[in-house]
């Protein structure tokens, strides 16, 4: 009724031990790579792409922080924008020089 004797043996892989370990390691590496790729893709979607936080502008002769802020951010409070440009660039006041490079926060 029940099988007994020497014909029963434990199940073993047909592959040798080191080949089986390499195959499993390769599968795990593939799974980890897919998880990393999916995480990066989802992060990019969640953040809306890779838009830089600032824009660089070179000051032209006759420019002022007020004129740059008014032209760059129409409809916004120019005083707040001038203040944010000053803080971002470490300026102690609204004085700028032609040829100077300024970082402007993106709207």
N, C-alpha and C. Protein backbone atom coordinates (compact mmCIF):
# COMPACT_ATOMS: atom_id res chain seq x y z
N UNK A 1 0.78 -1.16 0.00
CA UNK A 1 0.00 0.00 0.00
C UNK A 1 0.85 1.27 0.00
N UNK A 2 1.72 1.41 0.94
CA UNK A 2 2.61 2.56 0.98
C UNK A 2 3.95 2.17 0.40
N UNK A 3 4.54 3.15 -0.29
CA UNK A 3 5.86 2.88 -0.86
C UNK A 3 6.88 2.96 0.26
N UNK A 4 7.74 2.02 0.30
CA UNK A 4 8.78 2.02 1.32
C UNK A 4 10.02 1.39 0.71
N UNK A 5 11.11 1.70 1.31
CA UNK A 5 12.33 1.07 0.86
C UNK A 5 13.29 2.05 0.25
N UNK A 6 14.22 1.52 -0.55
CA UNK A 6 15.31 2.33 -1.09
C UNK A 6 14.89 3.16 -2.30
N UNK A 7 13.71 2.93 -2.83
CA UNK A 7 13.31 3.69 -4.01
C UNK A 7 12.87 5.12 -3.66
N UNK A 8 12.69 5.42 -2.42
CA UNK A 8 12.31 6.77 -2.00
C UNK A 8 13.58 7.54 -1.67
N UNK A 9 13.76 8.64 -2.34
CA UNK A 9 14.93 9.48 -2.06
C UNK A 9 14.47 10.94 -2.00
N UNK A 10 15.20 11.74 -1.30
CA UNK A 10 14.82 13.15 -1.18
C UNK A 10 14.94 13.86 -2.53
N UNK A 11 14.08 14.87 -2.74
CA UNK A 11 14.14 15.64 -3.97
C UNK A 11 15.39 16.50 -3.98
N UNK A 12 16.09 16.46 -5.09
CA UNK A 12 17.30 17.27 -5.23
C UNK A 12 17.30 17.90 -6.60
N UNK A 13 17.93 19.02 -6.68
CA UNK A 13 18.04 19.71 -7.95
C UNK A 13 18.99 18.94 -8.86
N UNK A 14 18.70 18.99 -10.13
CA UNK A 14 19.56 18.32 -11.09
C UNK A 14 20.85 19.11 -11.29
N UNK A 15 20.85 20.37 -10.90
CA UNK A 15 22.04 21.20 -11.06
C UNK A 15 22.93 21.09 -9.83
N UNK A 16 24.20 21.38 -10.04
CA UNK A 16 25.11 21.35 -8.89
C UNK A 16 24.82 22.54 -7.99
N UNK A 17 25.31 22.50 -6.79
CA UNK A 17 25.03 23.54 -5.80
C UNK A 17 25.47 24.92 -6.21
N UNK A 18 26.66 25.07 -6.77
CA UNK A 18 27.16 26.40 -7.11
C UNK A 18 26.38 27.00 -8.27
N UNK A 19 25.98 26.19 -9.23
CA UNK A 19 25.19 26.71 -10.34
C UNK A 19 23.82 27.18 -9.87
N UNK A 20 23.24 26.44 -8.96
CA UNK A 20 21.92 26.82 -8.43
C UNK A 20 22.02 28.13 -7.65
N UNK A 21 23.09 28.30 -6.88
CA UNK A 21 23.27 29.55 -6.13
C UNK A 21 23.45 30.73 -7.07
N UNK A 22 24.21 30.54 -8.14
CA UNK A 22 24.40 31.62 -9.09
C UNK A 22 23.09 31.98 -9.79
N UNK A 23 22.29 30.98 -10.11
CA UNK A 23 21.02 31.24 -10.76
C UNK A 23 20.09 32.02 -9.82
N UNK A 24 20.06 31.63 -8.56
CA UNK A 24 19.22 32.34 -7.59
C UNK A 24 19.74 33.75 -7.35
N UNK A 25 21.05 33.90 -7.30
CA UNK A 25 21.63 35.23 -7.12
C UNK A 25 21.29 36.12 -8.31
N UNK A 26 21.33 35.57 -9.51
CA UNK A 26 20.96 36.33 -10.70
C UNK A 26 19.50 36.75 -10.67
N UNK A 27 18.63 35.89 -10.19
CA UNK A 27 17.21 36.24 -10.08
C UNK A 27 17.00 37.36 -9.07
N UNK A 28 17.67 37.27 -7.95
CA UNK A 28 17.55 38.32 -6.93
C UNK A 28 18.09 39.65 -7.45
N UNK A 29 19.20 39.60 -8.17
CA UNK A 29 19.76 40.83 -8.74
C UNK A 29 18.77 41.46 -9.72
N UNK A 30 18.12 40.64 -10.52
CA UNK A 30 17.12 41.14 -11.46
C UNK A 30 15.94 41.76 -10.73
N UNK A 31 15.47 41.12 -9.68
CA UNK A 31 14.35 41.65 -8.89
C UNK A 31 14.73 42.99 -8.27
N UNK A 32 15.92 43.07 -7.68
CA UNK A 32 16.37 44.33 -7.06
C UNK A 32 16.49 45.42 -8.11
N UNK A 33 17.05 45.10 -9.28
CA UNK A 33 17.19 46.10 -10.34
C UNK A 33 15.82 46.60 -10.80
N UNK A 34 14.85 45.72 -10.93
CA UNK A 34 13.51 46.13 -11.32
C UNK A 34 12.85 47.02 -10.27
N UNK A 35 13.06 46.71 -9.02
CA UNK A 35 12.50 47.52 -7.93
C UNK A 35 13.13 48.92 -7.94
N UNK A 36 14.44 49.00 -8.12
CA UNK A 36 15.12 50.30 -8.17
C UNK A 36 14.62 51.11 -9.36
N UNK A 37 14.52 50.47 -10.52
CA UNK A 37 14.04 51.16 -11.72
C UNK A 37 12.61 51.68 -11.52
N UNK A 38 11.75 50.85 -10.98
CA UNK A 38 10.36 51.25 -10.74
C UNK A 38 10.30 52.40 -9.73
N UNK A 39 11.12 52.34 -8.69
CA UNK A 39 11.14 53.41 -7.69
C UNK A 39 11.56 54.73 -8.30
N UNK A 40 12.60 54.71 -9.13
CA UNK A 40 13.06 55.94 -9.77
C UNK A 40 12.01 56.49 -10.73
N UNK A 41 11.36 55.61 -11.47
CA UNK A 41 10.32 56.06 -12.40
C UNK A 41 9.14 56.67 -11.64
N UNK A 42 8.73 56.05 -10.55
CA UNK A 42 7.62 56.60 -9.76
C UNK A 42 8.00 57.92 -9.09
N UNK A 43 9.24 58.03 -8.64
CA UNK A 43 9.69 59.29 -8.03
C UNK A 43 9.68 60.41 -9.06
N UNK A 44 10.09 60.11 -10.27
CA UNK A 44 10.10 61.12 -11.31
C UNK A 44 8.68 61.58 -11.63
N UNK A 45 7.76 60.64 -11.69
CA UNK A 45 6.36 60.99 -11.94
C UNK A 45 5.80 61.81 -10.78
N UNK A 46 6.10 61.40 -9.55
CA UNK A 46 5.57 62.10 -8.37
C UNK A 46 6.11 63.52 -8.27
N UNK A 47 7.35 63.72 -8.68
CA UNK A 47 7.95 65.04 -8.60
C UNK A 47 7.69 65.87 -9.85
N UNK A 48 7.04 65.29 -10.82
CA UNK A 48 6.71 66.05 -12.03
C UNK A 48 7.88 66.23 -12.96
N UNK A 49 8.78 65.31 -13.02
CA UNK A 49 9.94 65.43 -13.89
C UNK A 49 11.12 66.00 -13.12
N UNK A 50 12.07 66.49 -13.86
CA UNK A 50 13.28 67.00 -13.24
C UNK A 50 13.43 68.49 -13.53
N UNK A 51 12.49 69.27 -13.10
CA UNK A 51 12.55 70.71 -13.28
C UNK A 51 13.51 71.29 -12.24
N UNK A 52 14.50 72.08 -12.68
CA UNK A 52 15.40 72.67 -11.70
C UNK A 52 14.68 73.67 -10.80
N UNK A 53 15.18 73.84 -9.60
CA UNK A 53 14.55 74.73 -8.63
C UNK A 53 14.84 76.20 -8.91
N UNK A 54 15.91 76.48 -9.66
CA UNK A 54 16.27 77.86 -9.96
C UNK A 54 16.62 78.02 -11.44
N UNK A 55 16.63 79.28 -11.87
CA UNK A 55 17.04 79.65 -13.22
C UNK A 55 18.15 80.68 -13.08
N UNK A 56 19.13 80.61 -13.97
CA UNK A 56 20.25 81.55 -13.93
C UNK A 56 20.01 82.68 -14.92
N UNK A 57 20.26 83.92 -14.46
CA UNK A 57 20.10 85.11 -15.30
C UNK A 57 21.35 85.96 -15.14
N UNK A 58 21.84 86.51 -16.27
CA UNK A 58 22.96 87.45 -16.23
C UNK A 58 22.39 88.86 -16.27
N UNK A 59 22.80 89.69 -15.33
CA UNK A 59 22.29 91.06 -15.23
C UNK A 59 22.82 91.88 -16.40
N UNK A 60 21.90 92.56 -17.06
CA UNK A 60 22.24 93.42 -18.19
C UNK A 60 22.34 94.86 -17.72
N UNK A 61 23.05 95.72 -18.48
CA UNK A 61 23.13 97.13 -18.09
C UNK A 61 21.73 97.74 -17.98
N UNK A 62 21.48 98.45 -16.90
CA UNK A 62 20.20 99.10 -16.67
C UNK A 62 19.20 98.22 -15.92
N UNK A 63 19.52 96.96 -15.70
CA UNK A 63 18.62 96.07 -14.96
C UNK A 63 18.62 96.41 -13.47
N UNK A 64 17.50 96.15 -12.84
CA UNK A 64 17.39 96.24 -11.39
C UNK A 64 16.67 94.99 -10.92
N UNK A 65 16.79 94.69 -9.62
CA UNK A 65 16.09 93.52 -9.10
C UNK A 65 14.58 93.68 -9.29
N UNK A 66 14.09 94.89 -9.13
CA UNK A 66 12.66 95.15 -9.30
C UNK A 66 12.22 94.84 -10.73
N UNK A 67 12.99 95.31 -11.73
CA UNK A 67 12.64 95.09 -13.14
C UNK A 67 12.72 93.61 -13.50
N UNK A 68 13.74 92.92 -12.98
CA UNK A 68 13.89 91.49 -13.26
C UNK A 68 12.73 90.72 -12.64
N UNK A 69 12.39 91.04 -11.39
CA UNK A 69 11.29 90.33 -10.72
C UNK A 69 9.96 90.61 -11.39
N UNK A 70 9.72 91.86 -11.79
CA UNK A 70 8.46 92.22 -12.44
C UNK A 70 8.32 91.53 -13.79
N UNK A 71 9.42 91.43 -14.55
CA UNK A 71 9.37 90.80 -15.87
C UNK A 71 9.28 89.27 -15.76
N UNK A 72 9.97 88.73 -14.79
CA UNK A 72 10.03 87.26 -14.67
C UNK A 72 8.77 86.67 -14.02
N UNK A 73 8.17 87.41 -13.10
CA UNK A 73 7.01 86.90 -12.36
C UNK A 73 5.82 87.84 -12.49
N UNK A 74 5.24 87.95 -13.69
CA UNK A 74 4.08 88.85 -13.83
C UNK A 74 2.89 88.34 -13.01
N UNK A 75 2.21 89.26 -12.38
CA UNK A 75 1.05 88.89 -11.57
C UNK A 75 1.39 88.55 -10.13
N UNK A 76 2.67 88.38 -9.82
CA UNK A 76 3.08 88.08 -8.44
C UNK A 76 3.43 89.39 -7.73
N UNK A 77 3.50 89.33 -6.41
CA UNK A 77 3.90 90.49 -5.63
C UNK A 77 5.40 90.70 -5.85
N UNK A 78 5.74 91.79 -6.52
CA UNK A 78 7.14 92.05 -6.89
C UNK A 78 8.03 92.20 -5.67
N UNK A 79 7.50 92.80 -4.58
CA UNK A 79 8.30 92.97 -3.37
C UNK A 79 8.74 91.62 -2.80
N UNK A 80 7.82 90.65 -2.78
CA UNK A 80 8.16 89.32 -2.27
C UNK A 80 9.19 88.63 -3.17
N UNK A 81 9.04 88.82 -4.48
CA UNK A 81 9.98 88.19 -5.41
C UNK A 81 11.37 88.81 -5.30
N UNK A 82 11.45 90.13 -5.15
CA UNK A 82 12.75 90.78 -4.96
C UNK A 82 13.40 90.25 -3.69
N UNK A 83 12.63 90.13 -2.62
CA UNK A 83 13.16 89.60 -1.36
C UNK A 83 13.67 88.17 -1.53
N UNK A 84 12.92 87.33 -2.24
CA UNK A 84 13.36 85.93 -2.42
C UNK A 84 14.62 85.85 -3.28
N UNK A 85 14.75 86.74 -4.27
CA UNK A 85 15.97 86.76 -5.10
C UNK A 85 17.16 87.21 -4.25
N UNK A 86 16.96 88.22 -3.42
CA UNK A 86 18.04 88.69 -2.53
C UNK A 86 18.50 87.57 -1.59
N UNK A 87 17.53 86.87 -0.97
CA UNK A 87 17.89 85.79 -0.04
C UNK A 87 18.59 84.64 -0.75
N UNK A 88 18.10 84.28 -1.93
CA UNK A 88 18.68 83.16 -2.67
C UNK A 88 20.12 83.43 -3.08
N UNK A 89 20.42 84.69 -3.41
CA UNK A 89 21.76 85.05 -3.88
C UNK A 89 22.65 85.64 -2.79
N UNK A 90 22.14 85.71 -1.56
CA UNK A 90 22.95 86.23 -0.45
C UNK A 90 23.24 87.71 -0.57
N UNK A 91 22.32 88.45 -1.16
CA UNK A 91 22.51 89.90 -1.31
C UNK A 91 22.04 90.60 -0.05
N UNK A 92 22.75 91.68 0.31
CA UNK A 92 22.34 92.45 1.49
C UNK A 92 21.41 93.59 1.12
N UNK A 93 21.19 93.80 -0.16
CA UNK A 93 20.29 94.86 -0.62
C UNK A 93 20.00 94.66 -2.10
N UNK A 94 19.27 95.62 -2.68
CA UNK A 94 18.85 95.46 -4.07
C UNK A 94 19.89 95.89 -5.11
N UNK A 95 21.10 96.19 -4.70
CA UNK A 95 22.13 96.67 -5.62
C UNK A 95 22.73 95.47 -6.37
N UNK A 96 22.66 95.55 -7.72
CA UNK A 96 23.28 94.53 -8.57
C UNK A 96 24.12 95.22 -9.63
N UNK A 97 25.04 94.47 -10.23
CA UNK A 97 25.99 95.02 -11.20
C UNK A 97 25.82 94.28 -12.53
N UNK A 98 25.93 95.01 -13.64
CA UNK A 98 25.84 94.40 -14.96
C UNK A 98 26.92 93.32 -15.09
N UNK A 99 26.53 92.18 -15.64
CA UNK A 99 27.44 91.04 -15.79
C UNK A 99 27.36 90.06 -14.64
N UNK A 100 26.72 90.45 -13.55
CA UNK A 100 26.56 89.57 -12.39
C UNK A 100 25.57 88.46 -12.72
N UNK A 101 25.82 87.27 -12.21
CA UNK A 101 24.93 86.13 -12.42
C UNK A 101 24.04 85.97 -11.20
N UNK A 102 22.73 85.89 -11.43
CA UNK A 102 21.76 85.72 -10.35
C UNK A 102 21.00 84.42 -10.54
N UNK A 103 20.67 83.80 -9.42
CA UNK A 103 19.79 82.64 -9.42
C UNK A 103 18.39 83.15 -9.11
N UNK A 104 17.42 82.75 -9.93
CA UNK A 104 16.04 83.15 -9.73
C UNK A 104 15.23 81.89 -9.39
N UNK A 105 14.42 81.95 -8.31
CA UNK A 105 13.58 80.79 -8.00
C UNK A 105 12.51 80.60 -9.06
N UNK A 106 12.24 79.37 -9.41
CA UNK A 106 11.18 79.09 -10.39
C UNK A 106 9.83 79.30 -9.73
N UNK A 107 8.87 79.79 -10.52
CA UNK A 107 7.55 80.09 -9.95
C UNK A 107 6.84 78.89 -9.39
